[in-house]
Amino acid sequence: MDELAQIFKVFSDKNRLRIVALLSNQKMCVCELAFVLGVTQPSISRHLKKMKTMGIICDEQDGFWTNYFLNCNNLRTKTILKHVESWLRDDSTALNDLKKLDMVDRTKVCCK
């Protein structure tokens, strides 16, 4: 029960829900997420760390970038993710984030 409570705490933050909505469409790096959400990279990194600790997301190295993506292999969060993604599909904030995502060029928003 404690683990379930911790998972729901992760989903109780608006920015983490926005991250889920974005990652349900594609893999993204910290810089891209920070640009779309309009928050600092350290803030995004803290959110991602919490999400990764609970098994909600995974990461992979892609040259210079670390890409983050939803962990659909974790059976404990897979069902929750399915419902969260469904609820966010028509959310105006999530839809605006997706529009902004179309304008992101990681080679321009990421510091090397």
N, C-alpha and C. Protein backbone atom coordinates (compact mmCIF):
# COMPACT_ATOMS: atom_id res chain seq x y z
N MET A 1 0.81 -1.19 0.00
CA MET A 1 0.00 0.00 0.00
C MET A 1 0.87 1.27 0.00
N ASP A 2 2.00 1.23 0.68
CA ASP A 2 2.88 2.40 0.72
C ASP A 2 3.39 2.76 -0.67
N GLU A 3 3.74 1.74 -1.45
CA GLU A 3 4.24 2.00 -2.80
C GLU A 3 3.15 2.64 -3.66
N LEU A 4 1.93 2.16 -3.54
CA LEU A 4 0.82 2.73 -4.29
C LEU A 4 0.60 4.19 -3.91
N ALA A 5 0.67 4.49 -2.62
CA ALA A 5 0.53 5.87 -2.16
C ALA A 5 1.62 6.75 -2.76
N GLN A 6 2.84 6.23 -2.83
CA GLN A 6 3.96 6.99 -3.41
C GLN A 6 3.74 7.23 -4.91
N ILE A 7 3.23 6.23 -5.61
CA ILE A 7 2.96 6.40 -7.04
C ILE A 7 1.92 7.48 -7.25
N PHE A 8 0.86 7.47 -6.43
CA PHE A 8 -0.16 8.51 -6.59
C PHE A 8 0.37 9.88 -6.21
N LYS A 9 1.32 9.96 -5.31
CA LYS A 9 1.94 11.24 -5.00
C LYS A 9 2.68 11.78 -6.22
N VAL A 10 3.33 10.89 -6.94
CA VAL A 10 4.03 11.31 -8.16
C VAL A 10 3.03 11.89 -9.16
N PHE A 11 1.88 11.26 -9.29
CA PHE A 11 0.87 11.72 -10.25
C PHE A 11 0.06 12.91 -9.73
N SER A 12 0.31 13.35 -8.51
CA SER A 12 -0.47 14.46 -7.95
C SER A 12 0.08 15.83 -8.32
N ASP A 13 1.15 15.88 -9.08
CA ASP A 13 1.77 17.14 -9.47
C ASP A 13 1.44 17.46 -10.93
N LYS A 14 0.97 18.68 -11.18
CA LYS A 14 0.56 19.07 -12.53
C LYS A 14 1.71 18.96 -13.54
N ASN A 15 2.90 19.39 -13.17
CA ASN A 15 4.01 19.31 -14.12
C ASN A 15 4.39 17.87 -14.43
N ARG A 16 4.30 16.98 -13.46
CA ARG A 16 4.58 15.57 -13.75
C ARG A 16 3.51 14.98 -14.66
N LEU A 17 2.27 15.41 -14.50
CA LEU A 17 1.21 14.96 -15.42
C LEU A 17 1.48 15.48 -16.83
N ARG A 18 1.94 16.71 -16.93
CA ARG A 18 2.28 17.26 -18.24
C ARG A 18 3.43 16.47 -18.87
N ILE A 19 4.40 16.07 -18.05
CA ILE A 19 5.51 15.25 -18.55
C ILE A 19 4.99 13.92 -19.07
N VAL A 20 4.08 13.30 -18.35
CA VAL A 20 3.48 12.03 -18.80
C VAL A 20 2.80 12.22 -20.15
N ALA A 21 2.04 13.30 -20.28
CA ALA A 21 1.34 13.56 -21.54
C ALA A 21 2.33 13.71 -22.69
N LEU A 22 3.43 14.41 -22.45
CA LEU A 22 4.43 14.60 -23.50
C LEU A 22 5.15 13.29 -23.82
N LEU A 23 5.55 12.57 -22.78
CA LEU A 23 6.28 11.32 -23.01
C LEU A 23 5.41 10.22 -23.59
N SER A 24 4.11 10.38 -23.52
CA SER A 24 3.23 9.39 -24.14
C SER A 24 3.26 9.52 -25.66
N ASN A 25 3.85 10.62 -26.15
CA ASN A 25 3.96 10.84 -27.59
C ASN A 25 5.33 10.53 -28.15
N GLN A 26 6.37 10.80 -27.34
CA GLN A 26 7.73 10.55 -27.84
C GLN A 26 8.73 10.63 -26.70
N LYS A 27 9.92 10.11 -26.96
CA LYS A 27 11.03 10.24 -26.02
C LYS A 27 11.50 11.68 -26.05
N MET A 28 11.90 12.19 -24.87
CA MET A 28 12.34 13.58 -24.80
C MET A 28 13.49 13.72 -23.82
N CYS A 29 14.29 14.76 -24.02
CA CYS A 29 15.37 15.08 -23.09
C CYS A 29 14.91 16.17 -22.12
N VAL A 30 15.71 16.42 -21.10
CA VAL A 30 15.39 17.42 -20.08
C VAL A 30 15.19 18.80 -20.72
N CYS A 31 16.05 19.17 -21.64
CA CYS A 31 15.98 20.49 -22.27
C CYS A 31 14.65 20.69 -23.00
N GLU A 32 14.24 19.68 -23.73
CA GLU A 32 12.97 19.76 -24.45
C GLU A 32 11.80 19.90 -23.49
N LEU A 33 11.81 19.08 -22.44
CA LEU A 33 10.73 19.15 -21.45
C LEU A 33 10.70 20.52 -20.77
N ALA A 34 11.86 21.05 -20.41
CA ALA A 34 11.93 22.36 -19.76
C ALA A 34 11.40 23.45 -20.69
N PHE A 35 11.75 23.38 -21.96
CA PHE A 35 11.29 24.37 -22.93
C PHE A 35 9.77 24.34 -23.05
N VAL A 36 9.20 23.16 -23.22
CA VAL A 36 7.76 23.05 -23.42
C VAL A 36 6.99 23.45 -22.16
N LEU A 37 7.45 23.01 -21.00
CA LEU A 37 6.74 23.32 -19.76
C LEU A 37 7.03 24.72 -19.24
N GLY A 38 8.10 25.33 -19.71
CA GLY A 38 8.45 26.67 -19.27
C GLY A 38 8.96 26.71 -17.84
N VAL A 39 9.67 25.66 -17.45
CA VAL A 39 10.28 25.59 -16.12
C VAL A 39 11.76 25.30 -16.27
N THR A 40 12.49 25.42 -15.18
CA THR A 40 13.94 25.25 -15.25
C THR A 40 14.33 23.78 -15.43
N GLN A 41 15.51 23.56 -15.98
CA GLN A 41 16.01 22.20 -16.14
C GLN A 41 16.19 21.48 -14.81
N PRO A 42 16.70 22.16 -13.74
CA PRO A 42 16.79 21.47 -12.45
C PRO A 42 15.43 21.01 -11.93
N SER A 43 14.40 21.81 -12.17
CA SER A 43 13.05 21.42 -11.74
C SER A 43 12.59 20.17 -12.50
N ILE A 44 12.81 20.16 -13.80
CA ILE A 44 12.45 18.98 -14.61
C ILE A 44 13.23 17.76 -14.13
N SER A 45 14.51 17.93 -13.85
CA SER A 45 15.34 16.82 -13.39
C SER A 45 14.82 16.24 -12.08
N ARG A 46 14.37 17.10 -11.17
CA ARG A 46 13.80 16.60 -9.90
C ARG A 46 12.53 15.80 -10.15
N HIS A 47 11.67 16.29 -11.05
CA HIS A 47 10.45 15.56 -11.39
C HIS A 47 10.79 14.20 -12.00
N LEU A 48 11.73 14.20 -12.93
CA LEU A 48 12.11 12.95 -13.61
C LEU A 48 12.71 11.95 -12.62
N LYS A 49 13.49 12.44 -11.68
CA LYS A 49 14.09 11.55 -10.68
C LYS A 49 13.00 10.85 -9.86
N LYS A 50 11.99 11.60 -9.44
CA LYS A 50 10.89 11.00 -8.68
C LYS A 50 10.14 9.98 -9.52
N MET A 51 9.91 10.32 -10.78
CA MET A 51 9.17 9.43 -11.67
C MET A 51 9.98 8.16 -11.96
N LYS A 52 11.28 8.32 -12.12
CA LYS A 52 12.13 7.16 -12.39
C LYS A 52 12.23 6.25 -11.16
N THR A 53 12.33 6.85 -9.98
CA THR A 53 12.41 6.08 -8.74
C THR A 53 11.17 5.18 -8.57
N MET A 54 10.01 5.68 -8.99
CA MET A 54 8.78 4.91 -8.86
C MET A 54 8.53 3.99 -10.06
N GLY A 55 9.44 3.96 -11.02
CA GLY A 55 9.31 3.05 -12.16
C GLY A 55 8.35 3.53 -13.23
N ILE A 56 8.02 4.81 -13.21
CA ILE A 56 7.08 5.36 -14.19
C ILE A 56 7.76 5.66 -15.51
N ILE A 57 9.02 6.07 -15.43
CA ILE A 57 9.78 6.37 -16.64
C ILE A 57 11.11 5.63 -16.62
N CYS A 58 11.73 5.57 -17.79
CA CYS A 58 13.08 5.02 -17.96
C CYS A 58 13.87 6.05 -18.75
N ASP A 59 15.17 5.83 -18.84
CA ASP A 59 15.99 6.70 -19.66
C ASP A 59 16.98 5.88 -20.45
N GLU A 60 17.50 6.50 -21.50
CA GLU A 60 18.52 5.88 -22.34
C GLU A 60 19.42 6.97 -22.88
N GLN A 61 20.67 6.64 -23.04
CA GLN A 61 21.63 7.60 -23.59
C GLN A 61 21.54 7.57 -25.11
N ASP A 62 21.54 8.76 -25.70
CA ASP A 62 21.49 8.90 -27.16
C ASP A 62 22.52 9.95 -27.54
N GLY A 63 23.78 9.53 -27.61
CA GLY A 63 24.86 10.47 -27.87
C GLY A 63 24.96 11.48 -26.75
N PHE A 64 24.79 12.75 -27.08
CA PHE A 64 24.86 13.84 -26.10
C PHE A 64 23.67 13.83 -25.14
N TRP A 65 22.51 13.39 -25.63
CA TRP A 65 21.27 13.50 -24.88
C TRP A 65 20.94 12.24 -24.08
N THR A 66 20.22 12.46 -22.99
CA THR A 66 19.57 11.37 -22.27
C THR A 66 18.09 11.50 -22.56
N ASN A 67 17.54 10.49 -23.20
CA ASN A 67 16.11 10.49 -23.54
C ASN A 67 15.32 9.81 -22.43
N TYR A 68 14.17 10.38 -22.12
CA TYR A 68 13.26 9.81 -21.12
C TYR A 68 12.02 9.33 -21.84
N PHE A 69 11.46 8.23 -21.33
CA PHE A 69 10.26 7.66 -21.94
C PHE A 69 9.47 6.91 -20.87
N LEU A 70 8.19 6.70 -21.13
CA LEU A 70 7.33 6.01 -20.18
C LEU A 70 7.72 4.54 -20.10
N ASN A 71 7.68 4.01 -18.90
CA ASN A 71 8.04 2.61 -18.66
C ASN A 71 6.77 1.77 -18.71
N CYS A 72 6.45 1.29 -19.89
CA CYS A 72 5.24 0.48 -20.05
C CYS A 72 5.47 -0.98 -19.67
N ASN A 73 6.68 -1.33 -19.26
CA ASN A 73 6.97 -2.69 -18.82
C ASN A 73 6.70 -2.90 -17.34
N ASN A 74 6.53 -1.82 -16.59
CA ASN A 74 6.25 -1.90 -15.17
C ASN A 74 4.75 -2.16 -15.00
N LEU A 75 4.40 -3.38 -14.63
CA LEU A 75 2.99 -3.75 -14.52
C LEU A 75 2.24 -2.93 -13.48
N ARG A 76 2.95 -2.46 -12.45
CA ARG A 76 2.30 -1.69 -11.39
C ARG A 76 1.86 -0.32 -11.85
N THR A 77 2.57 0.24 -12.80
CA THR A 77 2.19 1.57 -13.27
C THR A 77 1.54 1.56 -14.65
N LYS A 78 1.63 0.46 -15.36
CA LYS A 78 1.10 0.39 -16.72
C LYS A 78 -0.39 0.73 -16.77
N THR A 79 -1.17 0.18 -15.88
CA THR A 79 -2.61 0.43 -15.85
C THR A 79 -2.89 1.89 -15.50
N ILE A 80 -2.17 2.41 -14.52
CA ILE A 80 -2.36 3.81 -14.13
C ILE A 80 -2.00 4.72 -15.30
N LEU A 81 -0.88 4.45 -15.95
CA LEU A 81 -0.45 5.26 -17.09
C LEU A 81 -1.50 5.26 -18.19
N LYS A 82 -2.09 4.12 -18.44
CA LYS A 82 -3.11 4.00 -19.48
C LYS A 82 -4.27 4.95 -19.20
N HIS A 83 -4.71 5.00 -17.95
CA HIS A 83 -5.83 5.87 -17.59
C HIS A 83 -5.41 7.34 -17.57
N VAL A 84 -4.25 7.62 -17.05
CA VAL A 84 -3.77 9.01 -17.01
C VAL A 84 -3.64 9.54 -18.43
N GLU A 85 -3.04 8.77 -19.32
CA GLU A 85 -2.90 9.20 -20.71
C GLU A 85 -4.26 9.46 -21.34
N SER A 86 -5.23 8.60 -21.05
CA SER A 86 -6.58 8.77 -21.57
C SER A 86 -7.22 10.06 -21.07
N TRP A 87 -7.07 10.33 -19.77
CA TRP A 87 -7.64 11.56 -19.19
C TRP A 87 -6.98 12.80 -19.76
N LEU A 88 -5.70 12.74 -20.05
CA LEU A 88 -4.97 13.90 -20.53
C LEU A 88 -5.13 14.14 -22.03
N ARG A 89 -5.64 13.16 -22.73
CA ARG A 89 -5.73 13.24 -24.19
C ARG A 89 -6.47 14.49 -24.65
N ASP A 90 -7.52 14.90 -23.93
CA ASP A 90 -8.32 16.05 -24.33
C ASP A 90 -8.10 17.27 -23.44
N ASP A 91 -7.10 17.23 -22.58
CA ASP A 91 -6.82 18.33 -21.67
C ASP A 91 -6.22 19.51 -22.43
N SER A 92 -6.73 20.71 -22.20
CA SER A 92 -6.26 21.87 -22.96
C SER A 92 -4.78 22.18 -22.71
N THR A 93 -4.32 22.03 -21.48
CA THR A 93 -2.91 22.27 -21.18
C THR A 93 -2.03 21.26 -21.92
N ALA A 94 -2.41 20.00 -21.87
CA ALA A 94 -1.65 18.95 -22.55
C ALA A 94 -1.65 19.19 -24.06
N LEU A 95 -2.77 19.59 -24.61
CA LEU A 95 -2.84 19.86 -26.05
C LEU A 95 -1.96 21.05 -26.44
N ASN A 96 -1.94 22.09 -25.61
CA ASN A 96 -1.06 23.24 -25.87
C ASN A 96 0.40 22.83 -25.78
N ASP A 97 0.73 21.96 -24.82
CA ASP A 97 2.10 21.46 -24.71
C ASP A 97 2.51 20.72 -25.98
N LEU A 98 1.60 19.92 -26.52
CA LEU A 98 1.91 19.16 -27.74
C LEU A 98 2.14 20.10 -28.93
N LYS A 99 1.39 21.18 -28.99
CA LYS A 99 1.60 22.16 -30.05
C LYS A 99 2.98 22.80 -29.92
N LYS A 100 3.35 23.13 -28.69
CA LYS A 100 4.66 23.73 -28.44
C LYS A 100 5.77 22.72 -28.74
N LEU A 101 5.51 21.45 -28.48
CA LEU A 101 6.49 20.40 -28.75
C LEU A 101 6.85 20.35 -30.23
N ASP A 102 5.89 20.63 -31.10
CA ASP A 102 6.15 20.62 -32.54
C ASP A 102 7.19 21.67 -32.94
N MET A 103 7.36 22.70 -32.10
CA MET A 103 8.30 23.78 -32.43
C MET A 103 9.69 23.55 -31.82
N VAL A 104 9.88 22.48 -31.05
CA VAL A 104 11.14 22.27 -30.35
C VAL A 104 12.18 21.64 -31.26
N ASP A 105 13.35 22.24 -31.27
CA ASP A 105 14.51 21.67 -31.95
C ASP A 105 15.57 21.48 -30.87
N ARG A 106 15.80 20.23 -30.48
CA ARG A 106 16.71 19.98 -29.35
C ARG A 106 18.12 20.51 -29.60
N THR A 107 18.52 20.61 -30.84
CA THR A 107 19.85 21.13 -31.10
C THR A 107 19.95 22.63 -30.79
N LYS A 108 18.79 23.30 -30.68
CA LYS A 108 18.79 24.73 -30.38
C LYS A 108 18.43 25.02 -28.92
N VAL A 109 17.66 24.15 -28.26
CA VAL A 109 17.25 24.42 -26.89
C VAL A 109 18.17 23.81 -25.86
N CYS A 110 19.02 22.89 -26.28
CA CYS A 110 19.92 22.22 -25.34
C CYS A 110 21.29 22.90 -25.34
N CYS A 111 21.81 23.11 -24.15
CA CYS A 111 23.17 23.65 -24.00
C CYS A 111 24.16 22.50 -24.13
N LYS A 112 25.20 22.70 -24.83
CA LYS A 112 26.19 21.65 -24.99
C LYS A 112 27.38 21.91 -24.11
